[in-house]
Amino acid sequence: MAENSIREQIIAQVVSELENIDGINVVQRTLPMFDQLKEFPSTVFPLAVVVGGLPKPVTKRTGRTGHVDHLTSQLTIDVNVYFVNSGDPDTLISNLADDIWIKLWTDQTKGGLVRQSEVEFLTNPVHWEPFIAFKMRNTVTYEHDTGGI
């Protein structure tokens, strides 16, 4: 069942980490369109949107039957951050990016679910008045069997 997949557990762990950052007001998993952002109340911002990719197998092991039964996969988890320009966006960008960076690196195993974790910035801040956004990626390597992702 998908809700119990290792992939889903890893993404839920990232959501939980972001929810514990004081500077982020809301964490959600649905990527909004620009028009939708304009309709959100100001209390939603800063908003972090977590979007998980699909796992990409990097190694496969075969069992006694000669069939693949164990995989090591990479999973990308994008964190899109949106906030309203309040006159000093550079300081807010620095503070939010730093807080997220620290949280994503603190538990690199994501509660023991992953073997390796990498964090990177994917974009420089983008300005669409009145919003500013930036994107980070957490790429994790984890193990699973052929019974689920």
N, C-alpha and C. Protein backbone atom coordinates (compact mmCIF):
# COMPACT_ATOMS: atom_id res chain seq x y z
N MET A 1 0.84 -1.18 0.00
CA MET A 1 0.00 0.00 0.00
C MET A 1 0.89 1.24 0.00
N ALA A 2 0.58 2.23 -0.80
CA ALA A 2 1.42 3.41 -1.00
C ALA A 2 1.69 4.18 0.29
N GLU A 3 0.71 4.31 1.16
CA GLU A 3 0.92 5.11 2.36
C GLU A 3 1.98 4.50 3.28
N ASN A 4 2.26 3.22 3.11
CA ASN A 4 3.27 2.56 3.91
C ASN A 4 4.57 2.36 3.15
N SER A 5 4.63 2.82 1.91
CA SER A 5 5.86 2.62 1.13
C SER A 5 7.00 3.38 1.79
N ILE A 6 8.21 2.90 1.57
CA ILE A 6 9.37 3.59 2.11
C ILE A 6 9.45 4.99 1.52
N ARG A 7 9.14 5.12 0.24
CA ARG A 7 9.13 6.44 -0.41
C ARG A 7 8.24 7.40 0.35
N GLU A 8 7.02 6.97 0.64
CA GLU A 8 6.06 7.83 1.33
C GLU A 8 6.53 8.16 2.75
N GLN A 9 7.14 7.21 3.43
CA GLN A 9 7.66 7.46 4.77
C GLN A 9 8.78 8.48 4.75
N ILE A 10 9.65 8.41 3.73
CA ILE A 10 10.75 9.37 3.61
C ILE A 10 10.20 10.77 3.36
N ILE A 11 9.25 10.90 2.45
CA ILE A 11 8.66 12.21 2.15
C ILE A 11 7.95 12.77 3.38
N ALA A 12 7.24 11.92 4.10
CA ALA A 12 6.57 12.36 5.33
C ALA A 12 7.59 12.85 6.36
N GLN A 13 8.74 12.23 6.41
CA GLN A 13 9.80 12.65 7.33
C GLN A 13 10.30 14.05 6.96
N VAL A 14 10.48 14.31 5.65
CA VAL A 14 10.90 15.64 5.20
C VAL A 14 9.83 16.68 5.56
N VAL A 15 8.57 16.36 5.34
CA VAL A 15 7.48 17.26 5.71
C VAL A 15 7.55 17.57 7.21
N SER A 16 7.74 16.56 8.02
CA SER A 16 7.82 16.74 9.46
C SER A 16 8.99 17.63 9.85
N GLU A 17 10.13 17.44 9.19
CA GLU A 17 11.30 18.28 9.48
C GLU A 17 10.99 19.75 9.17
N LEU A 18 10.34 20.00 8.04
CA LEU A 18 10.03 21.37 7.65
C LEU A 18 8.97 21.99 8.56
N GLU A 19 8.03 21.19 9.04
CA GLU A 19 7.00 21.70 9.94
C GLU A 19 7.59 22.18 11.26
N ASN A 20 8.80 21.74 11.58
CA ASN A 20 9.46 22.14 12.82
C ASN A 20 10.37 23.34 12.65
N ILE A 21 10.24 24.05 11.54
CA ILE A 21 11.00 25.28 11.32
C ILE A 21 10.09 26.45 11.66
N ASP A 22 10.50 27.26 12.62
CA ASP A 22 9.66 28.38 13.07
C ASP A 22 9.34 29.38 11.97
N GLY A 23 10.25 29.58 11.01
CA GLY A 23 10.05 30.58 9.97
C GLY A 23 9.10 30.17 8.86
N ILE A 24 8.65 28.91 8.87
CA ILE A 24 7.72 28.44 7.84
C ILE A 24 6.34 28.31 8.47
N ASN A 25 5.36 28.96 7.86
CA ASN A 25 4.01 28.93 8.43
C ASN A 25 3.21 27.71 8.01
N VAL A 26 3.34 27.28 6.75
CA VAL A 26 2.56 26.14 6.25
C VAL A 26 3.46 25.26 5.39
N VAL A 27 3.31 23.95 5.56
CA VAL A 27 3.97 22.96 4.70
C VAL A 27 2.87 22.15 4.05
N GLN A 28 2.92 22.02 2.73
CA GLN A 28 1.91 21.23 2.03
C GLN A 28 2.60 20.42 0.94
N ARG A 29 1.84 19.50 0.35
CA ARG A 29 2.40 18.62 -0.68
C ARG A 29 1.80 18.85 -2.05
N THR A 30 0.96 19.86 -2.20
CA THR A 30 0.37 20.17 -3.49
C THR A 30 0.99 21.45 -4.02
N LEU A 31 1.60 21.38 -5.20
CA LEU A 31 2.25 22.53 -5.80
C LEU A 31 1.21 23.49 -6.37
N PRO A 32 1.14 24.72 -5.84
CA PRO A 32 0.12 25.65 -6.33
C PRO A 32 0.56 26.35 -7.62
N MET A 33 -0.41 26.75 -8.40
CA MET A 33 -0.16 27.59 -9.56
C MET A 33 -0.06 29.04 -9.06
N PHE A 34 0.53 29.90 -9.87
CA PHE A 34 0.71 31.30 -9.47
C PHE A 34 -0.61 31.95 -9.10
N ASP A 35 -1.65 31.72 -9.89
CA ASP A 35 -2.96 32.31 -9.60
C ASP A 35 -3.51 31.85 -8.24
N GLN A 36 -3.21 30.60 -7.88
CA GLN A 36 -3.65 30.09 -6.59
C GLN A 36 -2.90 30.77 -5.44
N LEU A 37 -1.61 31.02 -5.64
CA LEU A 37 -0.83 31.70 -4.61
C LEU A 37 -1.44 33.05 -4.26
N LYS A 38 -1.90 33.76 -5.27
CA LYS A 38 -2.47 35.09 -5.06
C LYS A 38 -3.75 35.03 -4.21
N GLU A 39 -4.42 33.88 -4.19
CA GLU A 39 -5.65 33.73 -3.43
C GLU A 39 -5.42 33.28 -1.98
N PHE A 40 -4.20 32.85 -1.66
CA PHE A 40 -3.91 32.40 -0.30
C PHE A 40 -3.89 33.58 0.65
N PRO A 41 -4.38 33.39 1.88
CA PRO A 41 -4.26 34.47 2.87
C PRO A 41 -2.78 34.69 3.23
N SER A 42 -2.45 35.88 3.63
CA SER A 42 -1.06 36.21 3.93
C SER A 42 -0.48 35.37 5.07
N THR A 43 -1.34 34.83 5.92
CA THR A 43 -0.88 34.01 7.05
C THR A 43 -0.27 32.69 6.61
N VAL A 44 -0.46 32.30 5.36
CA VAL A 44 0.08 31.04 4.84
C VAL A 44 1.59 31.17 4.60
N PHE A 45 2.06 32.37 4.36
CA PHE A 45 3.45 32.58 3.97
C PHE A 45 4.33 32.87 5.17
N PRO A 46 5.57 32.42 5.11
CA PRO A 46 6.24 31.58 4.13
C PRO A 46 5.63 30.18 4.04
N LEU A 47 5.53 29.71 2.81
CA LEU A 47 4.93 28.43 2.47
C LEU A 47 6.00 27.51 1.89
N ALA A 48 6.07 26.29 2.38
CA ALA A 48 6.98 25.29 1.81
C ALA A 48 6.14 24.19 1.18
N VAL A 49 6.44 23.87 -0.07
CA VAL A 49 5.72 22.81 -0.78
C VAL A 49 6.70 21.68 -1.07
N VAL A 50 6.37 20.50 -0.58
CA VAL A 50 7.23 19.33 -0.74
C VAL A 50 6.67 18.46 -1.87
N VAL A 51 7.52 18.19 -2.86
CA VAL A 51 7.11 17.37 -4.00
C VAL A 51 8.11 16.24 -4.17
N GLY A 52 7.64 15.01 -3.98
CA GLY A 52 8.52 13.85 -4.12
C GLY A 52 8.50 13.30 -5.52
N GLY A 53 9.67 12.94 -6.00
CA GLY A 53 9.76 12.29 -7.30
C GLY A 53 9.52 10.80 -7.16
N LEU A 54 9.81 10.08 -8.20
CA LEU A 54 9.72 8.62 -8.16
C LEU A 54 11.13 8.04 -8.06
N PRO A 55 11.27 6.91 -7.36
CA PRO A 55 12.61 6.36 -7.17
C PRO A 55 13.23 5.87 -8.47
N LYS A 56 14.55 6.07 -8.55
CA LYS A 56 15.32 5.61 -9.70
C LYS A 56 16.31 4.56 -9.20
N PRO A 57 16.12 3.29 -9.59
CA PRO A 57 17.05 2.26 -9.14
C PRO A 57 18.47 2.54 -9.63
N VAL A 58 19.43 2.44 -8.70
CA VAL A 58 20.83 2.62 -9.08
C VAL A 58 21.62 1.31 -9.00
N THR A 59 21.18 0.39 -8.16
CA THR A 59 21.76 -0.95 -8.14
C THR A 59 20.65 -1.97 -7.90
N LYS A 60 20.86 -3.17 -8.43
CA LYS A 60 19.89 -4.26 -8.25
C LYS A 60 20.66 -5.50 -7.84
N ARG A 61 20.07 -6.25 -6.93
CA ARG A 61 20.68 -7.52 -6.51
C ARG A 61 19.70 -8.65 -6.78
N THR A 62 20.24 -9.74 -7.21
CA THR A 62 19.40 -10.91 -7.46
C THR A 62 19.49 -11.88 -6.29
N GLY A 63 18.38 -12.55 -6.08
CA GLY A 63 18.32 -13.54 -5.02
C GLY A 63 18.67 -14.92 -5.54
N ARG A 64 18.39 -15.94 -4.74
CA ARG A 64 18.70 -17.32 -5.11
C ARG A 64 17.97 -17.78 -6.36
N THR A 65 16.83 -17.17 -6.64
CA THR A 65 16.04 -17.58 -7.80
C THR A 65 16.59 -17.02 -9.11
N GLY A 66 17.55 -16.08 -9.00
CA GLY A 66 18.09 -15.44 -10.19
C GLY A 66 17.32 -14.20 -10.59
N HIS A 67 16.26 -13.86 -9.86
CA HIS A 67 15.46 -12.67 -10.13
C HIS A 67 15.88 -11.54 -9.19
N VAL A 68 15.72 -10.33 -9.67
CA VAL A 68 16.01 -9.16 -8.83
C VAL A 68 15.05 -9.18 -7.63
N ASP A 69 15.62 -9.04 -6.42
CA ASP A 69 14.76 -8.99 -5.23
C ASP A 69 15.12 -7.86 -4.28
N HIS A 70 16.18 -7.12 -4.58
CA HIS A 70 16.61 -6.02 -3.70
C HIS A 70 17.17 -4.89 -4.56
N LEU A 71 16.77 -3.67 -4.25
CA LEU A 71 17.22 -2.51 -5.02
C LEU A 71 17.73 -1.41 -4.10
N THR A 72 18.66 -0.64 -4.62
CA THR A 72 19.06 0.61 -4.00
C THR A 72 18.62 1.69 -4.98
N SER A 73 17.83 2.64 -4.50
CA SER A 73 17.26 3.66 -5.38
C SER A 73 17.56 5.05 -4.86
N GLN A 74 17.53 6.01 -5.79
CA GLN A 74 17.62 7.42 -5.44
C GLN A 74 16.24 8.04 -5.59
N LEU A 75 15.91 8.90 -4.65
CA LEU A 75 14.64 9.60 -4.63
C LEU A 75 14.92 11.09 -4.47
N THR A 76 14.35 11.91 -5.35
CA THR A 76 14.50 13.35 -5.21
C THR A 76 13.24 13.93 -4.57
N ILE A 77 13.47 14.82 -3.63
CA ILE A 77 12.38 15.49 -2.93
C ILE A 77 12.65 16.99 -3.05
N ASP A 78 11.79 17.67 -3.79
CA ASP A 78 11.95 19.10 -3.99
C ASP A 78 11.20 19.87 -2.92
N VAL A 79 11.82 20.94 -2.45
CA VAL A 79 11.19 21.83 -1.48
C VAL A 79 11.11 23.21 -2.14
N ASN A 80 9.90 23.61 -2.47
CA ASN A 80 9.63 24.90 -3.09
C ASN A 80 9.17 25.85 -1.99
N VAL A 81 9.85 26.99 -1.87
CA VAL A 81 9.54 27.92 -0.80
C VAL A 81 9.02 29.22 -1.41
N TYR A 82 7.88 29.70 -0.90
CA TYR A 82 7.25 30.92 -1.38
C TYR A 82 7.04 31.86 -0.21
N PHE A 83 7.32 33.13 -0.43
CA PHE A 83 6.99 34.13 0.58
C PHE A 83 6.69 35.45 -0.09
N VAL A 84 6.09 36.35 0.69
CA VAL A 84 5.69 37.65 0.17
C VAL A 84 6.83 38.64 0.42
N ASN A 85 7.16 39.41 -0.59
CA ASN A 85 8.21 40.41 -0.48
C ASN A 85 7.79 41.47 0.53
N SER A 86 8.56 41.57 1.60
CA SER A 86 8.21 42.51 2.67
C SER A 86 9.21 43.65 2.78
N GLY A 87 10.01 43.86 1.76
CA GLY A 87 10.95 44.97 1.78
C GLY A 87 12.39 44.58 2.04
N ASP A 88 12.64 43.44 2.68
CA ASP A 88 14.01 42.96 2.92
C ASP A 88 14.09 41.48 2.54
N PRO A 89 13.87 41.18 1.25
CA PRO A 89 13.78 39.78 0.85
C PRO A 89 15.09 39.00 1.02
N ASP A 90 16.23 39.67 0.86
CA ASP A 90 17.50 38.95 0.93
C ASP A 90 17.73 38.34 2.31
N THR A 91 17.40 39.09 3.35
CA THR A 91 17.55 38.56 4.71
C THR A 91 16.61 37.38 4.94
N LEU A 92 15.38 37.51 4.49
CA LEU A 92 14.42 36.42 4.66
C LEU A 92 14.86 35.19 3.87
N ILE A 93 15.35 35.38 2.65
CA ILE A 93 15.86 34.26 1.85
C ILE A 93 16.99 33.57 2.61
N SER A 94 17.93 34.35 3.10
CA SER A 94 19.06 33.78 3.84
C SER A 94 18.61 32.99 5.05
N ASN A 95 17.69 33.58 5.82
CA ASN A 95 17.23 32.91 7.03
C ASN A 95 16.47 31.62 6.72
N LEU A 96 15.52 31.68 5.78
CA LEU A 96 14.75 30.48 5.43
C LEU A 96 15.63 29.41 4.82
N ALA A 97 16.48 29.79 3.88
CA ALA A 97 17.36 28.81 3.23
C ALA A 97 18.28 28.16 4.25
N ASP A 98 18.81 28.95 5.17
CA ASP A 98 19.70 28.42 6.21
C ASP A 98 18.95 27.45 7.12
N ASP A 99 17.75 27.84 7.56
CA ASP A 99 16.96 26.96 8.44
C ASP A 99 16.62 25.64 7.76
N ILE A 100 16.22 25.70 6.50
CA ILE A 100 15.87 24.48 5.77
C ILE A 100 17.12 23.63 5.56
N TRP A 101 18.20 24.24 5.16
CA TRP A 101 19.48 23.55 4.96
C TRP A 101 19.86 22.77 6.22
N ILE A 102 19.81 23.45 7.36
CA ILE A 102 20.19 22.81 8.64
C ILE A 102 19.26 21.63 8.94
N LYS A 103 17.95 21.83 8.79
CA LYS A 103 16.99 20.76 9.10
C LYS A 103 17.20 19.54 8.20
N LEU A 104 17.40 19.77 6.89
CA LEU A 104 17.53 18.64 5.98
C LEU A 104 18.84 17.88 6.19
N TRP A 105 19.87 18.56 6.69
CA TRP A 105 21.15 17.88 6.95
C TRP A 105 21.21 17.26 8.34
N THR A 106 20.34 17.70 9.27
CA THR A 106 20.45 17.25 10.66
C THR A 106 20.27 15.74 10.79
N ASP A 107 19.19 15.20 10.26
CA ASP A 107 18.97 13.75 10.30
C ASP A 107 19.10 13.23 8.87
N GLN A 108 20.32 12.95 8.47
CA GLN A 108 20.57 12.52 7.10
C GLN A 108 19.99 11.15 6.79
N THR A 109 19.67 10.37 7.81
CA THR A 109 19.09 9.04 7.58
C THR A 109 17.57 9.08 7.51
N LYS A 110 16.99 10.25 7.74
CA LYS A 110 15.52 10.41 7.73
C LYS A 110 14.87 9.35 8.62
N GLY A 111 15.31 9.32 9.87
CA GLY A 111 14.75 8.38 10.83
C GLY A 111 15.18 6.95 10.58
N GLY A 112 16.33 6.76 9.96
CA GLY A 112 16.84 5.42 9.67
C GLY A 112 16.34 4.82 8.37
N LEU A 113 15.64 5.61 7.56
CA LEU A 113 15.07 5.10 6.31
C LEU A 113 16.03 5.15 5.13
N VAL A 114 17.04 6.02 5.19
CA VAL A 114 17.92 6.20 4.04
C VAL A 114 19.38 5.99 4.41
N ARG A 115 20.18 5.66 3.39
CA ARG A 115 21.61 5.45 3.58
C ARG A 115 22.42 6.71 3.34
N GLN A 116 21.95 7.55 2.44
CA GLN A 116 22.71 8.74 2.07
C GLN A 116 21.74 9.87 1.73
N SER A 117 22.15 11.08 2.04
CA SER A 117 21.30 12.24 1.78
C SER A 117 22.16 13.39 1.27
N GLU A 118 21.67 14.08 0.26
CA GLU A 118 22.34 15.26 -0.29
C GLU A 118 21.33 16.39 -0.35
N VAL A 119 21.80 17.61 -0.13
CA VAL A 119 20.94 18.78 -0.19
C VAL A 119 21.60 19.81 -1.11
N GLU A 120 20.80 20.40 -2.01
CA GLU A 120 21.34 21.42 -2.91
C GLU A 120 20.25 22.45 -3.24
N PHE A 121 20.72 23.62 -3.65
CA PHE A 121 19.80 24.65 -4.14
C PHE A 121 19.66 24.45 -5.64
N LEU A 122 18.43 24.47 -6.14
CA LEU A 122 18.20 24.27 -7.57
C LEU A 122 18.05 25.57 -8.34
N THR A 123 17.57 26.59 -7.69
CA THR A 123 17.38 27.85 -8.38
C THR A 123 17.80 29.00 -7.50
N ASN A 124 18.20 30.08 -8.13
CA ASN A 124 18.35 31.32 -7.40
C ASN A 124 16.94 31.84 -7.14
N PRO A 125 16.80 32.73 -6.17
CA PRO A 125 15.46 33.25 -5.90
C PRO A 125 14.83 33.88 -7.15
N VAL A 126 13.54 33.63 -7.30
CA VAL A 126 12.77 34.16 -8.41
C VAL A 126 11.75 35.14 -7.84
N HIS A 127 11.63 36.30 -8.47
CA HIS A 127 10.72 37.35 -8.00
C HIS A 127 9.54 37.45 -8.96
N TRP A 128 8.32 37.22 -8.42
CA TRP A 128 7.07 37.50 -9.14
C TRP A 128 6.25 38.29 -8.16
N GLU A 129 6.29 39.58 -8.32
CA GLU A 129 5.61 40.45 -7.36
C GLU A 129 4.17 39.98 -7.14
N PRO A 130 3.77 39.87 -5.89
CA PRO A 130 4.49 40.23 -4.68
C PRO A 130 5.29 39.06 -4.08
N PHE A 131 5.47 37.97 -4.82
CA PHE A 131 6.08 36.76 -4.27
C PHE A 131 7.55 36.62 -4.64
N ILE A 132 8.24 35.90 -3.78
CA ILE A 132 9.60 35.47 -4.05
C ILE A 132 9.63 33.98 -3.75
N ALA A 133 10.36 33.24 -4.58
CA ALA A 133 10.41 31.79 -4.41
C ALA A 133 11.83 31.30 -4.64
N PHE A 134 12.16 30.18 -3.99
CA PHE A 134 13.39 29.46 -4.29
C PHE A 134 13.13 27.97 -4.11
N LYS A 135 14.03 27.17 -4.63
CA LYS A 135 13.81 25.72 -4.64
C LYS A 135 15.08 25.01 -4.19
N MET A 136 14.86 24.03 -3.30
CA MET A 136 15.94 23.17 -2.82
C MET A 136 15.59 21.73 -3.16
N ARG A 137 16.60 20.89 -3.24
CA ARG A 137 16.37 19.47 -3.51
C ARG A 137 17.12 18.63 -2.48
N ASN A 138 16.41 17.66 -1.93
CA ASN A 138 17.00 16.66 -1.04
C ASN A 138 16.95 15.34 -1.81
N THR A 139 18.13 14.84 -2.18
CA THR A 139 18.22 13.57 -2.89
C THR A 139 18.70 12.52 -1.90
N VAL A 140 17.90 11.46 -1.75
CA VAL A 140 18.24 10.40 -0.80
C VAL A 140 18.44 9.08 -1.53
N THR A 141 19.29 8.26 -0.95
CA THR A 141 19.52 6.91 -1.46
C THR A 141 19.03 5.95 -0.40
N TYR A 142 18.19 5.01 -0.82
CA TYR A 142 17.61 4.08 0.15
C TYR A 142 17.47 2.69 -0.47
N GLU A 143 17.23 1.72 0.38
CA GLU A 143 17.09 0.33 -0.05
C GLU A 143 15.65 -0.12 0.10
N HIS A 144 15.23 -0.97 -0.83
CA HIS A 144 13.90 -1.56 -0.77
C HIS A 144 13.89 -2.84 -1.58
N ASP A 145 12.81 -3.59 -1.47
CA ASP A 145 12.72 -4.82 -2.24
C ASP A 145 11.75 -4.62 -3.41
N THR A 146 11.52 -5.66 -4.16
CA THR A 146 10.64 -5.55 -5.33
C THR A 146 9.16 -5.54 -4.93
N GLY A 147 8.87 -5.66 -3.65
CA GLY A 147 7.49 -5.64 -3.19
C GLY A 147 6.92 -4.25 -2.99
N GLY A 148 7.71 -3.22 -3.24
CA GLY A 148 7.22 -1.85 -3.08
C GLY A 148 8.33 -0.84 -3.25
N ILE A 149 7.91 0.41 -3.32
CA ILE A 149 8.90 1.47 -3.51
C ILE A 149 9.16 2.17 -2.19
